[in-house]
Amino acid sequence: MSNTIPRTHQDVILQAEIELLKALTNNDKELLEKVIHEDIVYTNENGETFIGRNKLQINDMKVMNITFLEILEREINIFNNVAIVNTLEKRDGTFLGIAFKANYRVTRTWKFYGKRWLLIAASTVLI
Protein backbone atom coordinates (compact mmCIF):
# COMPACT_ATOMS: atom_id res chain seq x y z
CA MET A 1 0.00 0.00 0.00
CA SER A 2 1.35 3.39 -0.99
CA ASN A 3 1.79 6.19 1.55
CA THR A 4 1.60 8.94 -1.07
CA ILE A 5 -1.16 11.48 -0.70
CA PRO A 6 -3.31 11.93 -3.81
CA ARG A 7 -2.49 15.17 -5.57
CA THR A 8 -5.23 17.70 -6.14
CA HIS A 9 -5.76 19.56 -9.40
CA GLN A 10 -4.33 22.62 -7.61
CA ASP A 11 -1.13 20.66 -6.88
CA VAL A 12 -0.89 19.51 -10.50
CA ILE A 13 -1.42 23.06 -11.83
CA LEU A 14 1.19 24.40 -9.43
CA GLN A 15 3.66 21.79 -10.69
CA ALA A 16 2.83 22.70 -14.31
CA GLU A 17 3.42 26.38 -13.44
CA ILE A 18 6.79 25.52 -11.88
CA GLU A 19 7.79 23.55 -14.98
CA LEU A 20 6.69 26.40 -17.26
CA LEU A 21 8.67 29.02 -15.35
CA LYS A 22 11.71 26.75 -15.21
CA ALA A 23 11.48 26.26 -18.98
CA LEU A 24 11.16 30.02 -19.54
CA THR A 25 14.24 30.90 -17.49
CA ASN A 26 16.31 28.01 -18.88
CA ASN A 27 15.12 28.51 -22.48
CA ASP A 28 14.13 24.83 -22.49
CA LYS A 29 12.21 24.52 -25.76
CA GLU A 30 11.54 20.80 -25.26
CA LEU A 31 9.86 21.39 -21.91
CA LEU A 32 7.93 24.38 -23.31
CA GLU A 33 6.53 22.12 -26.03
CA LYS A 34 5.31 19.70 -23.36
CA VAL A 35 3.39 22.30 -21.32
CA ILE A 36 2.20 24.81 -23.96
CA HIS A 37 -0.61 23.94 -26.39
CA GLU A 38 0.47 24.28 -30.02
CA ASP A 39 -2.36 26.80 -30.68
CA ILE A 40 -1.82 28.97 -27.59
CA VAL A 41 -3.10 32.56 -27.67
CA TYR A 42 -0.73 35.04 -26.00
CA THR A 43 -1.13 38.79 -25.53
CA ASN A 44 2.00 40.62 -24.40
CA GLU A 45 2.33 43.82 -22.38
CA ASN A 46 2.29 45.90 -25.62
CA GLY A 47 -1.12 44.52 -26.59
CA GLU A 48 0.29 42.36 -29.39
CA THR A 49 -1.39 38.98 -29.81
CA PHE A 50 0.45 35.87 -30.96
CA ILE A 51 -1.34 32.66 -31.91
CA GLY A 52 0.59 29.40 -31.93
CA ARG A 53 3.51 28.14 -29.89
CA ASN A 54 5.95 28.75 -32.73
CA LYS A 55 4.99 32.47 -32.84
CA LEU A 56 5.89 33.15 -29.20
CA GLN A 57 8.78 35.53 -28.55
CA ILE A 58 10.20 33.10 -25.99
CA ASN A 59 11.22 30.84 -28.86
CA ASP A 60 13.93 33.28 -29.96
CA MET A 61 16.56 34.27 -27.39
CA LYS A 62 17.54 37.23 -29.61
CA VAL A 63 14.07 38.64 -29.02
CA MET A 64 13.24 37.59 -25.42
CA ASN A 65 15.52 36.10 -22.79
CA ILE A 66 14.20 35.81 -19.23
CA THR A 67 17.12 35.28 -16.85
CA PHE A 68 15.30 35.66 -13.51
CA LEU A 69 11.66 35.11 -12.58
CA GLU A 70 10.19 35.23 -9.09
CA ILE A 71 6.53 34.70 -8.22
CA LEU A 72 5.44 37.37 -5.73
CA GLU A 73 1.76 36.32 -5.68
CA ARG A 74 -0.17 33.41 -7.19
CA GLU A 75 -3.86 32.52 -7.20
CA ILE A 76 -5.19 29.36 -8.87
CA ASN A 77 -8.90 28.99 -9.72
CA ILE A 78 -10.20 25.78 -11.27
CA PHE A 79 -13.43 25.49 -13.27
CA ASN A 80 -13.91 21.80 -14.18
CA ASN A 81 -11.25 21.20 -16.87
CA VAL A 82 -9.96 24.80 -17.05
CA ALA A 83 -7.65 26.53 -14.58
CA ILE A 84 -6.96 30.25 -14.41
CA VAL A 85 -3.71 31.28 -12.73
CA ASN A 86 -3.11 34.92 -11.82
CA THR A 87 0.39 35.87 -10.75
CA LEU A 88 2.46 38.88 -9.87
CA GLU A 89 5.96 38.23 -11.19
CA LYS A 90 9.31 39.94 -10.89
CA ARG A 91 11.32 39.39 -14.09
CA ASP A 92 14.81 40.26 -15.31
CA GLY A 93 16.16 39.62 -18.78
CA THR A 94 16.65 41.15 -22.19
CA PHE A 95 14.22 42.13 -24.90
CA LEU A 96 15.78 42.81 -28.32
CA GLY A 97 19.14 42.98 -26.55
CA ILE A 98 18.01 45.66 -24.07
CA ALA A 99 18.07 44.72 -20.39
CA PHE A 100 14.83 44.93 -18.44
CA LYS A 101 13.81 44.46 -14.83
CA ALA A 102 10.13 44.85 -13.97
CA ASN A 103 7.05 43.45 -12.29
CA TYR A 104 4.27 41.90 -14.37
CA ARG A 105 0.71 40.79 -13.72
CA VAL A 106 0.21 37.57 -15.68
CA THR A 107 -2.95 35.57 -16.31
CA ARG A 108 -2.47 32.04 -17.63
CA THR A 109 -5.25 29.68 -18.72
CA TRP A 110 -4.65 25.94 -18.50
CA LYS A 111 -6.94 23.26 -19.96
CA PHE A 112 -7.01 19.58 -19.12
CA TYR A 113 -6.52 17.45 -22.24
CA GLY A 114 -6.88 13.72 -21.66
CA LYS A 115 -4.11 13.07 -19.15
CA ARG A 116 -2.38 16.44 -18.74
CA TRP A 117 -2.83 20.16 -18.33
CA LEU A 118 -1.68 22.42 -21.18
CA LEU A 119 -1.30 26.18 -21.27
CA ILE A 120 -3.81 27.49 -23.85
CA ALA A 121 -3.75 31.26 -23.24
CA ALA A 122 -1.75 33.90 -21.42
CA SER A 123 -1.76 37.66 -21.02
CA THR A 124 0.96 39.87 -19.53
CA VAL A 125 0.61 43.40 -18.15
CA LEU A 126 3.56 45.56 -17.08
CA ILE A 127 3.04 46.94 -13.56
C-alpha atoms as a PDB file:
ATOM      1  CA  MET A   1       0.000   0.000   0.000  1.00  0.00           C
ATOM      2  CA  SER A   2       1.349   3.394  -0.987  1.00  0.00           C
ATOM      3  CA  ASN A   3       1.794   6.187   1.554  1.00  0.00           C
ATOM      4  CA  THR A   4       1.602   8.945  -1.073  1.00  0.00           C
ATOM      5  CA  ILE A   5      -1.156  11.479  -0.704  1.00  0.00           C
ATOM      6  CA  PRO A   6      -3.310  11.927  -3.811  1.00  0.00           C
ATOM      7  CA  ARG A   7      -2.492  15.174  -5.567  1.00  0.00           C
ATOM      8  CA  THR A   8      -5.231  17.702  -6.138  1.00  0.00           C
ATOM      9  CA  HIS A   9      -5.755  19.556  -9.396  1.00  0.00           C
ATOM     10  CA  GLN A  10      -4.326  22.623  -7.610  1.00  0.00           C
ATOM     11  CA  ASP A  11      -1.128  20.660  -6.884  1.00  0.00           C
ATOM     12  CA  VAL A  12      -0.886  19.511 -10.497  1.00  0.00           C
ATOM     13  CA  ILE A  13      -1.422  23.056 -11.835  1.00  0.00           C
ATOM     14  CA  LEU A  14       1.188  24.399  -9.428  1.00  0.00           C
ATOM     15  CA  GLN A  15       3.659  21.785 -10.687  1.00  0.00           C
ATOM     16  CA  ALA A  16       2.835  22.703 -14.307  1.00  0.00           C
ATOM     17  CA  GLU A  17       3.424  26.375 -13.443  1.00  0.00           C
ATOM     18  CA  ILE A  18       6.792  25.522 -11.885  1.00  0.00           C
ATOM     19  CA  GLU A  19       7.792  23.549 -14.985  1.00  0.00           C
ATOM     20  CA  LEU A  20       6.686  26.396 -17.265  1.00  0.00           C
ATOM     21  CA  LEU A  21       8.667  29.023 -15.347  1.00  0.00           C
ATOM     22  CA  LYS A  22      11.710  26.752 -15.211  1.00  0.00           C
ATOM     23  CA  ALA A  23      11.478  26.255 -18.985  1.00  0.00           C
ATOM     24  CA  LEU A  24      11.157  30.019 -19.535  1.00  0.00           C
ATOM     25  CA  THR A  25      14.241  30.904 -17.490  1.00  0.00           C
ATOM     26  CA  ASN A  26      16.305  28.006 -18.884  1.00  0.00           C
ATOM     27  CA  ASN A  27      15.124  28.514 -22.476  1.00  0.00           C
ATOM     28  CA  ASP A  28      14.125  24.828 -22.486  1.00  0.00           C
ATOM     29  CA  LYS A  29      12.212  24.515 -25.762  1.00  0.00           C
ATOM     30  CA  GLU A  30      11.537  20.797 -25.264  1.00  0.00           C
ATOM     31  CA  LEU A  31       9.857  21.386 -21.909  1.00  0.00           C
ATOM     32  CA  LEU A  32       7.935  24.377 -23.311  1.00  0.00           C
ATOM     33  CA  GLU A  33       6.528  22.123 -26.033  1.00  0.00           C
ATOM     34  CA  LYS A  34       5.306  19.701 -23.363  1.00  0.00           C
ATOM     35  CA  VAL A  35       3.390  22.300 -21.323  1.00  0.00           C
ATOM     36  CA  ILE A  36       2.204  24.808 -23.963  1.00  0.00           C
ATOM     37  CA  HIS A  37      -0.606  23.938 -26.387  1.00  0.00           C
ATOM     38  CA  GLU A  38       0.471  24.281 -30.018  1.00  0.00           C
ATOM     39  CA  ASP A  39      -2.364  26.796 -30.679  1.00  0.00           C
ATOM     40  CA  ILE A  40      -1.824  28.969 -27.589  1.00  0.00           C
ATOM     41  CA  VAL A  41      -3.105  32.556 -27.667  1.00  0.00           C
ATOM     42  CA  TYR A  42      -0.735  35.035 -26.002  1.00  0.00           C
ATOM     43  CA  THR A  43      -1.131  38.793 -25.534  1.00  0.00           C
ATOM     44  CA  ASN A  44       2.002  40.618 -24.400  1.00  0.00           C
ATOM     45  CA  GLU A  45       2.329  43.821 -22.384  1.00  0.00           C
ATOM     46  CA  ASN A  46       2.287  45.898 -25.618  1.00  0.00           C
ATOM     47  CA  GLY A  47      -1.121  44.520 -26.595  1.00  0.00           C
ATOM     48  CA  GLU A  48       0.291  42.360 -29.390  1.00  0.00           C
ATOM     49  CA  THR A  49      -1.387  38.979 -29.811  1.00  0.00           C
ATOM     50  CA  PHE A  50       0.452  35.870 -30.963  1.00  0.00           C
ATOM     51  CA  ILE A  51      -1.339  32.660 -31.906  1.00  0.00           C
ATOM     52  CA  GLY A  52       0.588  29.403 -31.926  1.00  0.00           C
ATOM     53  CA  ARG A  53       3.507  28.144 -29.887  1.00  0.00           C
ATOM     54  CA  ASN A  54       5.954  28.751 -32.734  1.00  0.00           C
ATOM     55  CA  LYS A  55       4.995  32.468 -32.843  1.00  0.00           C
ATOM     56  CA  LEU A  56       5.894  33.146 -29.196  1.00  0.00           C
ATOM     57  CA  GLN A  57       8.783  35.529 -28.546  1.00  0.00           C
ATOM     58  CA  ILE A  58      10.197  33.095 -25.986  1.00  0.00           C
ATOM     59  CA  ASN A  59      11.222  30.843 -28.856  1.00  0.00           C
ATOM     60  CA  ASP A  60      13.929  33.280 -29.964  1.00  0.00           C
ATOM     61  CA  MET A  61      16.561  34.275 -27.387  1.00  0.00           C
ATOM     62  CA  LYS A  62      17.540  37.230 -29.615  1.00  0.00           C
ATOM     63  CA  VAL A  63      14.070  38.641 -29.015  1.00  0.00           C
ATOM     64  CA  MET A  64      13.240  37.586 -25.423  1.00  0.00           C
ATOM     65  CA  ASN A  65      15.516  36.096 -22.789  1.00  0.00           C
ATOM     66  CA  ILE A  66      14.200  35.813 -19.226  1.00  0.00           C
ATOM     67  CA  THR A  67      17.119  35.280 -16.851  1.00  0.00           C
ATOM     68  CA  PHE A  68      15.299  35.659 -13.514  1.00  0.00           C
ATOM     69  CA  LEU A  69      11.658  35.106 -12.583  1.00  0.00           C
ATOM     70  CA  GLU A  70      10.190  35.232  -9.092  1.00  0.00           C
ATOM     71  CA  ILE A  71       6.532  34.703  -8.217  1.00  0.00           C
ATOM     72  CA  LEU A  72       5.440  37.373  -5.725  1.00  0.00           C
ATOM     73  CA  GLU A  73       1.760  36.322  -5.681  1.00  0.00           C
ATOM     74  CA  ARG A  74      -0.166  33.405  -7.190  1.00  0.00           C
ATOM     75  CA  GLU A  75      -3.857  32.515  -7.197  1.00  0.00           C
ATOM     76  CA  ILE A  76      -5.191  29.364  -8.870  1.00  0.00           C
ATOM     77  CA  ASN A  77      -8.897  28.993  -9.724  1.00  0.00           C
ATOM     78  CA  ILE A  78     -10.205  25.777 -11.266  1.00  0.00           C
ATOM     79  CA  PHE A  79     -13.425  25.487 -13.274  1.00  0.00           C
ATOM     80  CA  ASN A  80     -13.910  21.803 -14.183  1.00  0.00           C
ATOM     81  CA  ASN A  81     -11.247  21.197 -16.873  1.00  0.00           C
ATOM     82  CA  VAL A  82      -9.963  24.799 -17.052  1.00  0.00           C
ATOM     83  CA  ALA A  83      -7.648  26.528 -14.584  1.00  0.00           C
ATOM     84  CA  ILE A  84      -6.962  30.254 -14.412  1.00  0.00           C
ATOM     85  CA  VAL A  85      -3.711  31.278 -12.730  1.00  0.00           C
ATOM     86  CA  ASN A  86      -3.107  34.919 -11.823  1.00  0.00           C
ATOM     87  CA  THR A  87       0.392  35.869 -10.753  1.00  0.00           C
ATOM     88  CA  LEU A  88       2.458  38.881  -9.870  1.00  0.00           C
ATOM     89  CA  GLU A  89       5.957  38.229 -11.186  1.00  0.00           C
ATOM     90  CA  LYS A  90       9.309  39.943 -10.892  1.00  0.00           C
ATOM     91  CA  ARG A  91      11.319  39.392 -14.086  1.00  0.00           C
ATOM     92  CA  ASP A  92      14.812  40.256 -15.309  1.00  0.00           C
ATOM     93  CA  GLY A  93      16.156  39.620 -18.777  1.00  0.00           C
ATOM     94  CA  THR A  94      16.650  41.145 -22.191  1.00  0.00           C
ATOM     95  CA  PHE A  95      14.217  42.135 -24.904  1.00  0.00           C
ATOM     96  CA  LEU A  96      15.779  42.811 -28.316  1.00  0.00           C
ATOM     97  CA  GLY A  97      19.135  42.983 -26.551  1.00  0.00           C
ATOM     98  CA  ILE A  98      18.009  45.656 -24.073  1.00  0.00           C
ATOM     99  CA  ALA A  99      18.068  44.724 -20.389  1.00  0.00           C
ATOM    100  CA  PHE A 100      14.828  44.935 -18.442  1.00  0.00           C
ATOM    101  CA  LYS A 101      13.810  44.457 -14.831  1.00  0.00           C
ATOM    102  CA  ALA A 102      10.132  44.851 -13.965  1.00  0.00           C
ATOM    103  CA  ASN A 103       7.047  43.452 -12.293  1.00  0.00           C
ATOM    104  CA  TYR A 104       4.268  41.905 -14.368  1.00  0.00           C
ATOM    105  CA  ARG A 105       0.714  40.789 -13.723  1.00  0.00           C
ATOM    106  CA  VAL A 106       0.213  37.572 -15.683  1.00  0.00           C
ATOM    107  CA  THR A 107      -2.947  35.572 -16.313  1.00  0.00           C
ATOM    108  CA  ARG A 108      -2.472  32.040 -17.625  1.00  0.00           C
ATOM    109  CA  THR A 109      -5.249  29.684 -18.716  1.00  0.00           C
ATOM    110  CA  TRP A 110      -4.648  25.940 -18.498  1.00  0.00           C
ATOM    111  CA  LYS A 111      -6.940  23.258 -19.958  1.00  0.00           C
ATOM    112  CA  PHE A 112      -7.009  19.582 -19.120  1.00  0.00           C
ATOM    113  CA  TYR A 113      -6.519  17.450 -22.241  1.00  0.00           C
ATOM    114  CA  GLY A 114      -6.879  13.721 -21.661  1.00  0.00           C
ATOM    115  CA  LYS A 115      -4.114  13.068 -19.149  1.00  0.00           C
ATOM    116  CA  ARG A 116      -2.376  16.444 -18.745  1.00  0.00           C
ATOM    117  CA  TRP A 117      -2.827  20.160 -18.330  1.00  0.00           C
ATOM    118  CA  LEU A 118      -1.682  22.417 -21.182  1.00  0.00           C
ATOM    119  CA  LEU A 119      -1.300  26.183 -21.271  1.00  0.00           C
ATOM    120  CA  ILE A 120      -3.807  27.485 -23.846  1.00  0.00           C
ATOM    121  CA  ALA A 121      -3.752  31.261 -23.239  1.00  0.00           C
ATOM    122  CA  ALA A 122      -1.749  33.904 -21.415  1.00  0.00           C
ATOM    123  CA  SER A 123      -1.765  37.662 -21.019  1.00  0.00           C
ATOM    124  CA  THR A 124       0.956  39.866 -19.529  1.00  0.00           C
ATOM    125  CA  VAL A 125       0.608  43.399 -18.153  1.00  0.00           C
ATOM    126  CA  LEU A 126       3.560  45.557 -17.081  1.00  0.00           C
ATOM    127  CA  ILE A 127       3.040  46.944 -13.560  1.00  0.00           C
END
